[in-house]
C-alpha cells in the first residue's frame, strides 16, 4: 500500500472510531474525501479535507470535527504533528521513516509502483483516431491518436479492461470518391494519359500502388465499364489498402487498436434500423418536420417529414434527424447506432474527437444517454489542432501525400518519442504549436529531452561506479538528508497522480509530473558541480554512494513507469 493510500485508510479508520463511540453519525458519504500533499509544503506532508466534507451532513462544526480527527490521527506512530488549519483542513507531518519506507516500496514494486485496481471490473471503450480511410494519417490525426492511446494505457494501468477501437467510416460518399480516384489511377496504370487529377478526386500518389494491383489482376476489364460494374470492388480494395496504410502509420507511433469496426458492416447488419426501432418503442423518435433554418431560408429548402430523435429531452438545442429525405441514414443516425453497439460491450464509452466536431457533442451525448437509459458513462474528449513550426516560424514540409503533411513525415523527421511526449505536454483541448527544432533540442526547455536525459543520467551512474572501482555496499536510507527525502516525497505522489489522471481522463498530467521529477533530479545532480560532497558517487564512501544510487534508482523507476504510460522509451544513453 502506497503512502497516500495508506493515509486514506488511516483516515477511514479514524472516522470509524468516531462513529463507534457516537461522536459522528454512521453512513456518511466519504467519496469526496481527498488525501494529498498540502499546497504549501511548510504546512506538512499530508493534508485532508475530511472534516470539511463531512461536517455539514453530520450537523457539526468543521473545526470541531477536525479536532476530533486530529486527536485520532496524531496518535499514529508515523505522524509527528497533526494540526487544523483555516476552517477545518487537517495537516499531518510524518516521520522520516515513512519516506524511507516509501522508497523501499518503489524498489520492491518496480514497474507496478503506481498501479491500482480502482477500475477493476469495469470495461471502458476508448475510440480514437477513426480517420476516414481515404489516405495516410496526417498531422491533424496525430495528436488525437497519441492522446487516445496514452489514455487507454493509463486506464488499463488502474485496472480497467480497455477496448481500443477504431471506427472505419467506409460507408459514406468519401469512399465512393476514393474508388473513383483509384479508377482514374487504374486507367493510368494501363497506359492511358489521364492528365491532371480532376478537382474533387484524391490526388495523392499513395493511390498508384492500389491501382497498379487492380490493373495487374483485372487487366482492362473495367476501363470502359459502367461505374456500377466496378465501384463496389474498387471501393473495397481501396479501403482495405488505405486501412493497411493507416495501421502502418499508427504503428510508427507505437499505436495498435484491438478492434476495428466498419460502418458499412454496421449498416449491412441493420444496426441503424434496430436502433431506430428501439428509440421509437421508447418514444424517443417521431416523424416530424424540422424548423426552417434561421436567417434567410435557402431557395431549395422545403419542409420534409423526417424521423427525428428527441434530443431536446437531453439538453440539445433541437431534435435531430436520423434519416435524410432520400431514406438514407444521416451521419448522426449511423453514429447513434454505432454507439448503441459499443455500449453493449462496455460500461463506459470515451470518444477522442477533433475540435472541429464540437458541434455534434451535445446530440451524441443525448443519444447515448437515451439509449443506455443513463446507465453508461459517456465522455467526449476534444483535441485541438496542431500548428507546425520550425524555430518559431510556420514550417512547410514536403507533402508526399498530395496536399497534406503525413503523420509518417513527422515521425520520420523527429522520432516517435519526441512526437508522443510533445503531444502530451498540453491539455488536449488547448491549442498546440509543434516546433520541429524545439522537440529535438538538447536543452531544459525541451521537456522530452529533459525527462529522457534524467533517466539516461541515472542509468550512467552504475557504469560510473563500476569504472571508479567502488566496492559494492548496502544502502543506508538513514543517511538520506532533508533534500533527498524531499525527492522521495515527490516520488510518493506518483500513484495519486496516476489515479487522478485516469479519473480525469487527462494523460497530460503524467507529462507535467515527469517534468517536475526531472527538474528536481537535475537540481540534485547539479549540486555536485559546486559541492563535491553532494555528488552521487563519493569515491571514499561506498555506503553513501550506494545510498544515493538507491535513491537515484527509485527516481529512475518512477520516470520509467511514467514514460511507459506515455508510450515513450526510457533511454539508457543519449548522444
Protein backbone atom coordinates (compact mmCIF):
# COMPACT_ATOMS: atom_id res chain seq x y z
CA UNK A 1 0.00 0.00 0.00
CA UNK A 2 1.46 3.34 -1.06
CA UNK A 3 1.79 6.22 1.38
CA UNK A 4 -1.23 8.29 0.34
CA UNK A 5 -3.47 5.23 0.03
CA UNK A 6 -2.28 4.16 3.47
CA UNK A 7 -3.29 7.52 4.92
CA UNK A 8 -6.65 7.28 3.21
CA UNK A 9 -7.08 4.04 5.14
CA UNK A 10 -5.87 5.71 8.38
CA UNK A 11 -8.49 8.44 7.96
CA UNK A 12 -11.16 5.82 7.31
CA UNK A 13 -10.15 4.02 10.50
CA UNK A 14 -10.23 7.29 12.47
CA UNK A 15 -13.74 8.06 11.17
CA UNK A 16 -14.86 4.53 12.05
CA UNK A 17 -13.59 5.09 15.60
CA UNK A 18 -15.57 8.33 15.89
CA UNK A 19 -18.69 6.57 14.62
CA UNK A 20 -18.18 3.69 17.07
CA UNK A 21 -18.15 6.00 20.06
CA UNK A 22 -21.11 8.05 18.81
CA UNK A 23 -19.14 11.21 18.03
CA UNK A 24 -20.03 11.01 14.33
CA UNK A 25 -23.18 9.71 12.59
CA UNK A 26 -22.87 6.47 10.65
CA UNK A 27 -23.50 6.16 6.91
CA UNK A 28 -21.95 9.45 5.75
CA UNK A 29 -20.75 9.59 2.14
CA UNK A 30 -16.94 9.61 2.25
CA UNK A 31 -16.34 9.58 -1.51
CA UNK A 32 -15.35 13.27 -1.67
CA UNK A 33 -12.60 13.00 0.95
CA UNK A 34 -9.19 13.82 -0.50
CA UNK A 35 -5.76 12.94 0.84
CA UNK A 36 -2.94 14.87 -0.82
CA UNK A 37 0.16 16.96 -0.16
CA UNK A 38 -0.61 20.46 1.19
CA UNK A 39 -0.23 23.22 -1.40
CA UNK A 40 2.34 24.83 0.88
CA UNK A 41 4.97 22.21 1.92
CA UNK A 42 5.65 24.21 5.09
CA UNK A 43 2.22 23.10 6.37
CA UNK A 44 3.20 19.42 6.47
CA UNK A 45 3.35 16.31 4.34
CA UNK A 46 -0.26 15.12 4.07
CA UNK A 47 -3.49 17.13 4.07
CA UNK A 48 -7.13 16.05 4.11
CA UNK A 49 -10.45 17.80 3.71
CA UNK A 50 -12.31 15.06 5.64
CA UNK A 51 -13.72 17.40 8.30
CA UNK A 52 -14.76 19.99 5.71
CA UNK A 53 -16.59 17.39 3.61
CA UNK A 54 -18.36 15.56 6.44
CA UNK A 55 -19.20 18.38 8.84
CA UNK A 56 -22.36 19.66 7.14
CA UNK A 57 -24.04 16.25 6.59
CA UNK A 58 -23.01 15.33 10.15
CA UNK A 59 -24.51 18.55 11.53
CA UNK A 60 -21.19 19.51 13.10
CA UNK A 61 -18.81 22.45 13.10
CA UNK A 62 -15.90 21.66 10.70
CA UNK A 63 -13.18 22.69 13.14
CA UNK A 64 -14.79 20.70 15.94
CA UNK A 65 -14.81 17.59 13.74
CA UNK A 66 -11.25 18.34 12.62
CA UNK A 67 -10.13 18.49 16.27
CA UNK A 68 -11.61 15.03 16.87
CA UNK A 69 -9.85 13.63 13.80
CA UNK A 70 -6.54 15.26 14.72
CA UNK A 71 -6.66 13.50 18.09
CA UNK A 72 -7.08 10.16 16.33
CA UNK A 73 -4.50 10.74 13.58
CA UNK A 74 -1.95 12.35 15.86
CA UNK A 75 -1.73 9.10 17.81
CA UNK A 76 -0.30 7.23 14.80
CA UNK A 77 3.37 6.23 15.20
CA UNK A 78 4.39 7.73 11.84
CA UNK A 79 2.70 11.10 12.49
CA UNK A 80 4.94 13.61 14.28
CA UNK A 81 2.50 16.51 14.14
CA UNK A 82 -1.22 16.89 13.39
CA UNK A 83 -2.89 20.31 13.18
CA UNK A 84 -6.04 22.08 11.99
CA UNK A 85 -5.76 24.96 9.51
CA UNK A 86 -8.31 27.53 8.38
CA UNK A 87 -11.95 26.43 8.58
CA UNK A 88 -11.11 22.75 9.14
CA UNK A 89 -8.35 21.41 6.92
CA UNK A 90 -6.11 18.85 8.61
CA UNK A 91 -2.35 18.83 8.05
CA UNK A 92 -0.08 15.98 9.08
CA UNK A 93 3.69 15.90 9.31
CA UNK A 94 5.29 12.47 9.01
CA UNK A 95 8.37 10.85 10.46
CA UNK A 96 11.32 10.47 8.10
CA UNK A 97 10.99 6.70 8.28
CA UNK A 98 7.67 6.98 6.38
CA UNK A 99 9.53 8.31 3.36
CA UNK A 100 12.33 5.77 3.67
CA UNK A 101 9.66 3.06 3.69
CA UNK A 102 8.10 4.55 0.56
CA UNK A 103 11.42 4.47 -1.26
CA UNK A 104 11.77 0.81 -0.30
CA UNK A 105 8.26 0.22 -1.68
CA UNK A 106 9.21 1.83 -5.01
CA UNK A 107 12.12 -0.61 -5.31
CA UNK A 108 10.04 -3.59 -4.23
CA UNK A 109 7.15 -2.74 -6.57
CA UNK A 110 9.24 -1.96 -9.64
CA UNK A 111 7.06 -1.40 -12.69
CA UNK A 112 3.94 -1.93 -10.57
CA UNK A 113 4.59 1.13 -8.40
CA UNK A 114 1.56 3.32 -9.06
CA UNK A 115 -0.58 0.52 -10.46
CA UNK A 116 -4.01 0.23 -8.84
CA UNK A 117 -7.31 -1.62 -9.07
CA UNK A 118 -9.60 1.42 -8.92
CA UNK A 119 -11.09 0.45 -12.28
CA UNK A 120 -11.26 -3.29 -11.71
CA UNK A 121 -14.40 -4.92 -13.03
CA UNK A 122 -15.23 -2.09 -15.45
CA UNK A 123 -14.75 -2.15 -19.20
CA UNK A 124 -14.01 1.11 -20.97
CA UNK A 125 -14.24 1.55 -24.73
CA UNK A 126 -11.80 4.20 -25.95
CA UNK A 127 -12.42 5.09 -29.58
CA UNK A 128 -9.72 7.23 -31.12
CA UNK A 129 -8.29 8.26 -34.48
CA UNK A 130 -11.16 6.85 -36.63
CA UNK A 131 -9.88 8.81 -39.64
CA UNK A 132 -11.68 8.36 -42.94
CA UNK A 133 -9.99 5.51 -44.85
CA UNK A 134 -9.13 7.72 -47.80
CA UNK A 135 -5.37 8.10 -47.38
CA UNK A 136 -2.42 8.13 -44.99
CA UNK A 137 -2.70 9.58 -41.50
CA UNK A 138 -1.97 13.31 -41.47
CA UNK A 139 -0.82 15.72 -38.76
CA UNK A 140 -4.43 16.51 -37.87
CA UNK A 141 -4.87 12.91 -36.65
CA UNK A 142 -1.57 12.69 -34.78
CA UNK A 143 -2.47 14.42 -31.53
CA UNK A 144 -5.76 12.57 -31.04
CA UNK A 145 -4.01 9.28 -31.77
CA UNK A 146 -1.44 9.90 -29.03
CA UNK A 147 -3.96 11.24 -26.50
CA UNK A 148 -6.28 8.28 -27.05
CA UNK A 149 -3.52 5.70 -26.85
CA UNK A 150 -1.99 7.18 -23.69
CA UNK A 151 -5.42 7.40 -22.08
CA UNK A 152 -6.10 3.74 -22.90
CA UNK A 153 -2.76 2.73 -21.32
CA UNK A 154 -3.49 4.83 -18.25
CA UNK A 155 -6.94 3.28 -17.77
CA UNK A 156 -5.51 -0.23 -18.12
CA UNK A 157 -2.87 0.60 -15.51
CA UNK A 158 -5.54 1.45 -12.94
CA UNK A 159 -7.41 -1.79 -13.53
CA UNK A 160 -9.92 -1.18 -16.31
CA UNK A 161 -10.45 -3.63 -19.13
CA UNK A 162 -9.90 -1.37 -22.14
CA UNK A 163 -11.17 -1.77 -25.69
CA UNK A 164 -9.07 0.30 -28.10
CA UNK A 165 -11.44 0.86 -31.01
CA UNK A 166 -11.12 2.41 -34.46
CA UNK A 167 -14.36 3.19 -36.31
CA UNK A 168 -13.84 2.79 -40.05
CA UNK A 169 -16.06 5.30 -41.88
CA UNK A 170 -16.36 3.17 -45.01
CA UNK A 171 -19.99 3.81 -45.91
CA UNK A 172 -20.07 7.49 -46.83
CA UNK A 173 -19.72 9.44 -50.05
CA UNK A 174 -15.99 9.93 -49.38
CA UNK A 175 -15.24 6.26 -50.06
CA UNK A 176 -17.07 6.46 -53.40
CA UNK A 177 -14.81 9.40 -54.26
CA UNK A 178 -11.86 7.24 -53.20
CA UNK A 179 -12.99 4.44 -55.53
CA UNK A 180 -13.33 6.89 -58.45
CA UNK A 181 -9.86 8.28 -57.69
CA UNK A 182 -8.41 4.76 -57.80
CA UNK A 183 -10.25 4.05 -61.06
CA UNK A 184 -8.56 7.09 -62.60
CA UNK A 185 -5.15 5.78 -61.48
CA UNK A 186 -6.12 2.30 -62.71
CA UNK A 187 -6.65 3.67 -66.21
CA UNK A 188 -3.33 5.50 -65.89
CA UNK A 189 -1.61 2.24 -64.85
CA UNK A 190 -2.88 0.67 -68.06
CA UNK A 191 -1.19 3.36 -70.15
CA UNK A 192 -3.94 5.94 -70.55
CA UNK A 193 -2.95 9.62 -70.30
CA UNK A 194 -5.45 10.83 -67.69
CA UNK A 195 -3.95 14.31 -67.36
CA UNK A 196 -4.26 16.25 -64.13
CA UNK A 197 -6.34 14.72 -61.36
CA UNK A 198 -9.76 16.43 -61.60
CA UNK A 199 -10.92 18.59 -58.71
CA UNK A 200 -12.97 16.57 -56.27
CA UNK A 201 -10.86 13.41 -56.52
CA UNK A 202 -7.96 12.46 -54.24
CA UNK A 203 -4.66 13.46 -55.92
CA UNK A 204 -2.14 11.63 -53.72
CA UNK A 205 0.42 9.28 -55.25
CA UNK A 206 -0.38 6.79 -52.48
CA UNK A 207 -3.24 5.52 -54.67
CA UNK A 208 -0.92 4.45 -57.50
CA UNK A 209 0.10 1.07 -55.96
CA UNK A 210 -3.57 0.23 -55.31
CA UNK A 211 -4.43 0.99 -58.91
CA UNK A 212 -1.43 -0.98 -60.23
CA UNK A 213 -2.52 -4.02 -58.24
CA UNK A 214 -6.02 -3.83 -59.73
CA UNK A 215 -4.60 -3.37 -63.23
CA UNK A 216 -2.39 -6.44 -62.80
CA UNK A 217 -5.30 -8.53 -61.52
CA UNK A 218 -8.13 -7.41 -63.85
CA UNK A 219 -6.36 -6.01 -66.92
CA UNK A 220 -8.52 -3.56 -68.88
CA UNK A 221 -11.80 -5.21 -67.85
CA UNK A 222 -13.09 -2.09 -66.10
CA UNK A 223 -11.66 0.62 -68.36
CA UNK A 224 -14.83 1.27 -70.33
CA UNK A 225 -17.25 -0.41 -67.95
CA UNK A 226 -20.09 1.44 -66.25
CA UNK A 227 -19.40 2.73 -62.78
CA UNK A 228 -21.86 0.27 -61.26
CA UNK A 229 -19.69 -2.60 -62.56
CA UNK A 230 -16.56 -1.57 -60.69
CA UNK A 231 -17.47 0.91 -57.92
CA UNK A 232 -18.09 -1.70 -55.19
CA UNK A 233 -14.92 -3.67 -55.98
CA UNK A 234 -12.69 -0.62 -56.25
CA UNK A 235 -14.14 0.80 -53.05
CA UNK A 236 -13.46 -2.41 -51.09
CA UNK A 237 -9.92 -2.78 -52.47
CA UNK A 238 -9.11 0.87 -51.85
CA UNK A 239 -10.46 0.91 -48.29
CA UNK A 240 -8.54 -2.28 -47.47
CA UNK A 241 -5.31 -0.79 -48.83
CA UNK A 242 -5.87 2.51 -47.01
CA UNK A 243 -6.50 0.73 -43.71
CA UNK A 244 -3.26 -1.22 -44.16
CA UNK A 245 -1.50 2.11 -44.70
CA UNK A 246 -3.21 3.66 -41.68
CA UNK A 247 -2.23 0.73 -39.45
CA UNK A 248 1.37 1.07 -40.64
CA UNK A 249 1.34 4.82 -39.94
CA UNK A 250 -0.07 4.27 -36.45
CA UNK A 251 2.49 1.54 -35.79
CA UNK A 252 5.21 4.15 -36.32
CA UNK A 253 3.77 5.85 -33.23
CA UNK A 254 3.52 2.56 -31.34
CA UNK A 255 -0.28 2.56 -31.63
CA UNK A 256 -2.21 -0.68 -32.15
CA UNK A 257 -6.01 -0.89 -31.87
CA UNK A 258 -7.58 -4.19 -30.89
CA UNK A 259 -10.93 -3.59 -32.60
CA UNK A 260 -11.76 -2.09 -35.99
CA UNK A 261 -15.48 -1.58 -36.55
CA UNK A 262 -16.84 -0.99 -40.05
CA UNK A 263 -19.64 1.50 -40.68
CA UNK A 264 -20.55 -0.41 -43.85
CA UNK A 265 -20.88 -3.66 -41.89
CA UNK A 266 -22.89 -1.86 -39.23
CA UNK A 267 -25.39 -0.70 -41.83
CA UNK A 268 -25.44 -4.03 -43.65
CA UNK A 269 -26.32 -5.73 -40.36
CA UNK A 270 -29.30 -3.41 -39.93
CA UNK A 271 -27.98 -1.83 -36.74
CA UNK A 272 -29.32 1.67 -37.51
CA UNK A 273 -32.78 0.24 -38.14
CA UNK A 274 -32.57 -1.71 -34.87
CA UNK A 275 -31.62 1.46 -33.03
CA UNK A 276 -34.47 3.38 -34.65
CA UNK A 277 -36.98 0.70 -33.62
CA UNK A 278 -35.73 0.73 -30.03
CA UNK A 279 -35.97 4.50 -29.91
CA UNK A 280 -39.47 4.51 -31.40
CA UNK A 281 -40.58 1.87 -28.91
CA UNK A 282 -39.39 4.20 -26.15
CA UNK A 283 -41.00 7.31 -27.72
CA UNK A 284 -37.61 8.82 -28.46
CA UNK A 285 -38.03 9.02 -32.25
CA UNK A 286 -41.04 10.54 -34.02
CA UNK A 287 -41.85 11.68 -37.56
CA UNK A 288 -41.80 15.45 -37.80
CA UNK A 289 -40.71 18.48 -39.78
CA UNK A 290 -37.65 20.47 -38.87
CA UNK A 291 -37.93 24.21 -38.40
CA UNK A 292 -36.66 26.32 -41.28
CA UNK A 293 -33.02 27.38 -40.96
CA UNK A 294 -32.51 30.60 -39.07
CA UNK A 295 -31.91 33.70 -41.13
CA UNK A 296 -32.55 33.69 -44.88
CA UNK A 297 -34.24 30.49 -45.97
CA UNK A 298 -32.44 28.77 -48.89
CA UNK A 299 -34.44 28.57 -52.12
CA UNK A 300 -34.12 24.79 -52.21
CA UNK A 301 -35.33 24.29 -48.65
CA UNK A 302 -38.66 22.56 -48.26
CA UNK A 303 -40.41 21.18 -45.20
CA UNK A 304 -39.97 17.40 -45.31
CA UNK A 305 -41.19 14.92 -42.73
CA UNK A 306 -38.26 13.02 -41.28
CA UNK A 307 -37.69 10.63 -38.36
CA UNK A 308 -36.43 12.90 -35.56
CA UNK A 309 -34.66 11.91 -32.37
CA UNK A 310 -35.95 13.76 -29.29
CA UNK A 311 -32.54 15.13 -28.34
CA UNK A 312 -34.10 18.23 -26.76
CA UNK A 313 -35.18 15.99 -23.88
CA UNK A 314 -31.50 15.59 -23.09
CA UNK A 315 -30.37 19.20 -23.36
CA UNK A 316 -29.82 19.57 -27.12
CA UNK A 317 -30.94 22.72 -28.97
CA UNK A 318 -33.31 20.91 -31.33
CA UNK A 319 -34.44 17.42 -32.25
CA UNK A 320 -32.19 15.76 -34.81
CA UNK A 321 -32.99 13.80 -37.99
CA UNK A 322 -31.66 10.27 -38.18
CA UNK A 323 -32.53 9.85 -41.87
CA UNK A 324 -32.32 12.03 -44.95
CA UNK A 325 -35.25 12.73 -47.26
CA UNK A 326 -33.99 10.00 -49.64
CA UNK A 327 -34.25 7.42 -46.86
CA UNK A 328 -30.51 7.04 -46.27
CA UNK A 329 -29.10 7.43 -42.80
CA UNK A 330 -27.72 10.74 -41.66
CA UNK A 331 -24.25 10.71 -40.16
CA UNK A 332 -25.90 11.18 -36.78
CA UNK A 333 -28.27 8.26 -37.40
CA UNK A 334 -25.40 5.91 -38.22
CA UNK A 335 -23.30 7.28 -35.35
CA UNK A 336 -26.16 6.76 -32.94
CA UNK A 337 -26.41 3.09 -33.95
CA UNK A 338 -22.64 2.68 -33.64
CA UNK A 339 -22.64 3.97 -30.07
CA UNK A 340 -25.59 1.71 -29.28
CA UNK A 341 -23.42 -1.20 -30.46
CA UNK A 342 -20.40 -0.06 -28.42
CA UNK A 343 -22.50 0.26 -25.26
CA UNK A 344 -23.38 -3.45 -25.47
CA UNK A 345 -19.83 -4.48 -24.54
CA UNK A 346 -18.59 -1.65 -22.29
CA UNK A 347 -19.53 0.04 -19.03
CA UNK A 348 -18.14 3.35 -20.20
CA UNK A 349 -17.51 4.98 -23.58
CA UNK A 350 -14.85 7.58 -24.34
CA UNK A 351 -14.53 9.20 -27.77
CA UNK A 352 -11.46 11.21 -28.79
CA UNK A 353 -12.57 13.73 -31.42
CA UNK A 354 -11.04 16.64 -33.25
CA UNK A 355 -12.22 20.03 -32.04
CA UNK A 356 -13.96 20.58 -35.38
CA UNK A 357 -16.61 18.08 -34.22
CA UNK A 358 -17.52 20.12 -31.13
CA UNK A 359 -20.92 20.99 -32.58
CA UNK A 360 -22.09 17.37 -32.56
CA UNK A 361 -21.06 16.52 -29.00
CA UNK A 362 -24.33 17.53 -27.38
CA UNK A 363 -26.50 15.43 -29.71
CA UNK A 364 -24.41 12.25 -29.47
CA UNK A 365 -24.29 12.59 -25.68
CA UNK A 366 -28.07 12.93 -25.74
CA UNK A 367 -28.35 9.79 -27.88
CA UNK A 368 -26.11 7.70 -25.64
CA UNK A 369 -27.96 8.93 -22.52
CA UNK A 370 -31.25 7.91 -24.15
CA UNK A 371 -30.19 4.51 -25.45
CA UNK A 372 -28.43 3.45 -22.26
CA UNK A 373 -31.11 4.99 -20.04
CA UNK A 374 -28.35 6.86 -18.26
CA UNK A 375 -26.61 3.68 -17.12
CA UNK A 376 -23.44 4.07 -19.19
CA UNK A 377 -20.99 6.90 -18.62
CA UNK A 378 -20.02 8.61 -21.86
CA UNK A 379 -17.39 11.27 -22.41
CA UNK A 380 -16.08 13.06 -25.48
CA UNK A 381 -12.57 14.47 -25.33
CA UNK A 382 -11.96 17.20 -27.90
CA UNK A 383 -8.45 17.59 -29.26
CA UNK A 384 -7.30 20.87 -30.76
CA UNK A 385 -5.30 21.09 -33.98
CA UNK A 386 -1.51 21.32 -34.07
CA UNK A 387 0.37 24.13 -35.78
CA UNK A 388 3.67 23.08 -37.35
CA UNK A 389 6.64 25.40 -36.77
CA UNK A 390 10.41 25.40 -37.12
CA UNK A 391 12.35 27.85 -34.98
CA UNK A 392 9.09 29.64 -34.29
CA UNK A 393 8.17 30.11 -37.94
CA UNK A 394 5.44 28.23 -39.87
CA UNK A 395 7.03 25.13 -41.36
CA UNK A 396 6.07 23.73 -44.75
CA UNK A 397 7.21 20.13 -45.10
CA UNK A 398 7.30 18.24 -48.37
CA UNK A 399 3.86 16.78 -48.93
CA UNK A 400 4.24 13.28 -50.29
CA UNK A 401 0.53 12.58 -49.86
CA UNK A 402 -0.76 15.23 -52.23
CA UNK A 403 -1.96 18.16 -50.18
CA UNK A 404 -1.16 17.49 -46.52
CA UNK A 405 1.67 16.62 -44.14
CA UNK A 406 1.51 12.98 -43.10
CA UNK A 407 1.94 11.53 -39.65
CA UNK A 408 4.75 9.40 -41.07
CA UNK A 409 6.54 12.56 -42.26
CA UNK A 410 6.52 13.95 -38.73
CA UNK A 411 7.69 10.72 -37.06
CA UNK A 412 10.44 10.28 -39.64
CA UNK A 413 11.58 13.84 -39.01
CA UNK A 414 11.87 13.80 -35.20
CA UNK A 415 11.17 10.25 -33.96
CA UNK A 416 8.28 8.53 -32.19
CA UNK A 417 9.25 9.53 -28.64
CA UNK A 418 9.51 13.24 -29.42
CA UNK A 419 6.12 13.19 -31.13
CA UNK A 420 4.33 11.26 -28.39
CA UNK A 421 5.79 13.18 -25.46
CA UNK A 422 5.25 16.58 -27.08
CA UNK A 423 1.62 15.79 -27.92
CA UNK A 424 1.03 15.22 -24.19
CA UNK A 425 2.68 18.40 -22.92
CA UNK A 426 -0.54 20.39 -23.07
CA UNK A 427 -4.18 19.70 -22.26
CA UNK A 428 -5.84 18.09 -25.25
CA UNK A 429 -8.33 20.94 -25.68
CA UNK A 430 -5.60 23.62 -25.71
CA UNK A 431 -4.02 24.86 -28.93
CA UNK A 432 -0.56 23.42 -29.59
CA UNK A 433 2.49 24.52 -31.55
CA UNK A 434 4.78 21.70 -32.67
CA UNK A 435 8.20 23.19 -33.36
CA UNK A 436 10.44 20.71 -35.18
CA UNK A 437 13.57 22.45 -33.89
CA UNK A 438 12.44 22.63 -30.26
CA UNK A 439 11.33 19.00 -29.90
CA UNK A 440 14.82 17.71 -30.74
CA UNK A 441 16.71 20.44 -28.91
CA UNK A 442 19.08 19.24 -26.18
CA UNK A 443 18.05 21.77 -23.54
CA UNK A 444 16.00 22.03 -20.39
CA UNK A 445 13.42 23.98 -22.40
CA UNK A 446 12.59 20.78 -24.26
CA UNK A 447 10.58 18.55 -21.86
CA UNK A 448 11.17 15.43 -23.97
CA UNK A 449 14.93 15.79 -23.74
CA UNK A 450 14.88 16.93 -20.10
CA UNK A 451 12.99 13.86 -18.85
CA UNK A 452 14.84 11.33 -21.00
CA UNK A 453 18.17 12.91 -20.05
CA UNK A 454 17.31 12.46 -16.37
CA UNK A 455 16.75 8.75 -16.93
CA UNK A 456 19.92 8.42 -19.01
CA UNK A 457 21.95 10.19 -16.31
CA UNK A 458 20.63 7.77 -13.70
CA UNK A 459 21.47 4.80 -15.92
CA UNK A 460 25.00 6.16 -16.32
CA UNK A 461 25.63 6.11 -12.56
CA UNK A 462 26.05 2.35 -12.32
CA UNK A 463 28.55 2.44 -15.17
CA UNK A 464 30.49 5.21 -13.44
CA UNK A 465 30.55 3.31 -10.13
CA UNK A 466 31.95 0.27 -11.92
CA UNK A 467 34.53 2.40 -13.74
CA UNK A 468 35.58 4.02 -10.44
CA UNK A 469 36.08 0.59 -8.86
CA UNK A 470 33.99 1.46 -5.82
CA UNK A 471 33.24 -1.60 -3.72
CA UNK A 472 29.61 -2.69 -3.51
CA UNK A 473 27.86 -1.73 -0.29
CA UNK A 474 24.38 -1.89 1.17
CA UNK A 475 22.43 1.39 1.03
CA UNK A 476 21.63 3.02 4.37
CA UNK A 477 18.49 5.15 3.88
CA UNK A 478 19.09 6.76 7.29
CA UNK A 479 21.86 8.74 5.57
CA UNK A 480 19.46 10.47 3.16
CA UNK A 481 19.40 14.17 4.02
CA UNK A 482 16.41 16.53 4.07
CA UNK A 483 16.68 17.49 0.39
CA UNK A 484 16.98 13.84 -0.62
CA UNK A 485 13.93 12.91 1.43
CA UNK A 486 12.21 15.79 -0.38
CA UNK A 487 12.86 13.91 -3.63
CA UNK A 488 11.22 10.82 -2.13
CA UNK A 489 8.20 12.95 -1.17
CA UNK A 490 7.88 13.96 -4.81
CA UNK A 491 8.15 10.34 -5.96
CA UNK A 492 5.48 9.32 -3.45
CA UNK A 493 2.98 11.47 -5.33
CA UNK A 494 3.24 9.30 -8.44
CA UNK A 495 0.48 6.79 -7.55
CA UNK A 496 -2.02 9.54 -6.77
CA UNK A 497 -1.03 11.44 -9.94
CA UNK A 498 -1.72 8.28 -11.94
CA UNK A 499 -5.10 7.76 -10.28
CA UNK A 500 -6.14 11.40 -10.68
CA UNK A 501 -5.02 11.47 -14.33
CA UNK A 502 -7.04 8.32 -15.03
CA UNK A 503 -10.09 9.61 -13.17
CA UNK A 504 -10.00 12.94 -15.04
CA UNK A 505 -9.18 11.20 -18.35
CA UNK A 506 -6.18 13.55 -18.70
CA UNK A 507 -2.95 11.73 -19.63
CA UNK A 508 -1.07 15.03 -19.97
CA UNK A 509 -0.85 15.11 -16.16
CA UNK A 510 1.79 12.37 -16.35
CA UNK A 511 3.96 14.52 -18.63
CA UNK A 512 3.62 17.51 -16.29
CA UNK A 513 4.59 15.39 -13.28
CA UNK A 514 7.59 13.82 -15.01
CA UNK A 515 8.79 17.31 -15.83
CA UNK A 516 8.72 18.15 -12.12
CA UNK A 517 10.59 14.96 -11.22
CA UNK A 518 13.24 15.57 -13.88
CA UNK A 519 13.75 19.17 -12.72
CA UNK A 520 14.16 18.05 -9.09
CA UNK A 521 16.59 15.30 -10.08
CA UNK A 522 18.74 17.59 -12.25
CA UNK A 523 18.85 20.17 -9.42
CA UNK A 524 20.10 17.45 -7.04
CA UNK A 525 22.66 16.24 -9.57
CA UNK A 526 23.91 19.76 -10.28
CA UNK A 527 24.63 20.42 -6.59
CA UNK A 528 27.64 18.20 -7.02
CA UNK A 529 29.13 20.62 -9.53
CA UNK A 530 29.72 23.15 -6.75
CA UNK A 531 29.95 20.81 -3.75
CA UNK A 532 31.89 17.58 -4.32
CA UNK A 533 30.45 16.10 -1.11
CA UNK A 534 26.95 16.38 -2.63
CA UNK A 535 27.77 14.18 -5.62
CA UNK A 536 26.07 10.82 -6.01
CA UNK A 537 29.38 8.99 -6.28
CA UNK A 538 31.72 9.50 -3.33
CA UNK A 539 34.88 7.50 -4.02
CA UNK A 540 35.88 7.04 -0.36
CA UNK A 541 32.37 6.34 0.98
CA UNK A 542 30.89 3.20 -0.54
CA UNK A 543 27.84 3.22 1.76
CA UNK A 544 26.85 6.81 0.93
CA UNK A 545 27.39 6.11 -2.76
CA UNK A 546 25.14 3.04 -2.52
CA UNK A 547 22.52 5.07 -0.65
CA UNK A 548 22.42 7.86 -3.20
CA UNK A 549 22.43 5.34 -6.02
CA UNK A 550 19.46 3.67 -4.29
CA UNK A 551 17.60 6.99 -4.35
CA UNK A 552 18.57 7.63 -7.98
CA UNK A 553 17.30 4.17 -8.95
CA UNK A 554 13.97 4.98 -7.28
CA UNK A 555 13.73 8.20 -9.29
CA UNK A 556 14.61 6.27 -12.45
CA UNK A 557 11.89 3.72 -11.72
CA UNK A 558 9.20 6.40 -11.47
CA UNK A 559 10.40 8.17 -14.62
CA UNK A 560 10.49 4.85 -16.46
CA UNK A 561 6.98 3.98 -15.32
CA UNK A 562 5.56 7.34 -16.36
CA UNK A 563 7.25 7.26 -19.76
CA UNK A 564 5.91 3.76 -20.34
CA UNK A 565 2.36 5.03 -19.74
CA UNK A 566 3.01 7.72 -22.35
CA UNK A 567 4.38 5.18 -24.82
CA UNK A 568 7.85 6.75 -24.69
CA UNK A 569 11.11 4.84 -24.32
CA UNK A 570 13.24 5.45 -21.22
CA UNK A 571 16.69 5.89 -22.75
CA UNK A 572 19.78 4.40 -21.10
CA UNK A 573 22.18 6.58 -23.07
CA UNK A 574 21.90 9.83 -25.02
CA UNK A 575 24.47 11.01 -27.53
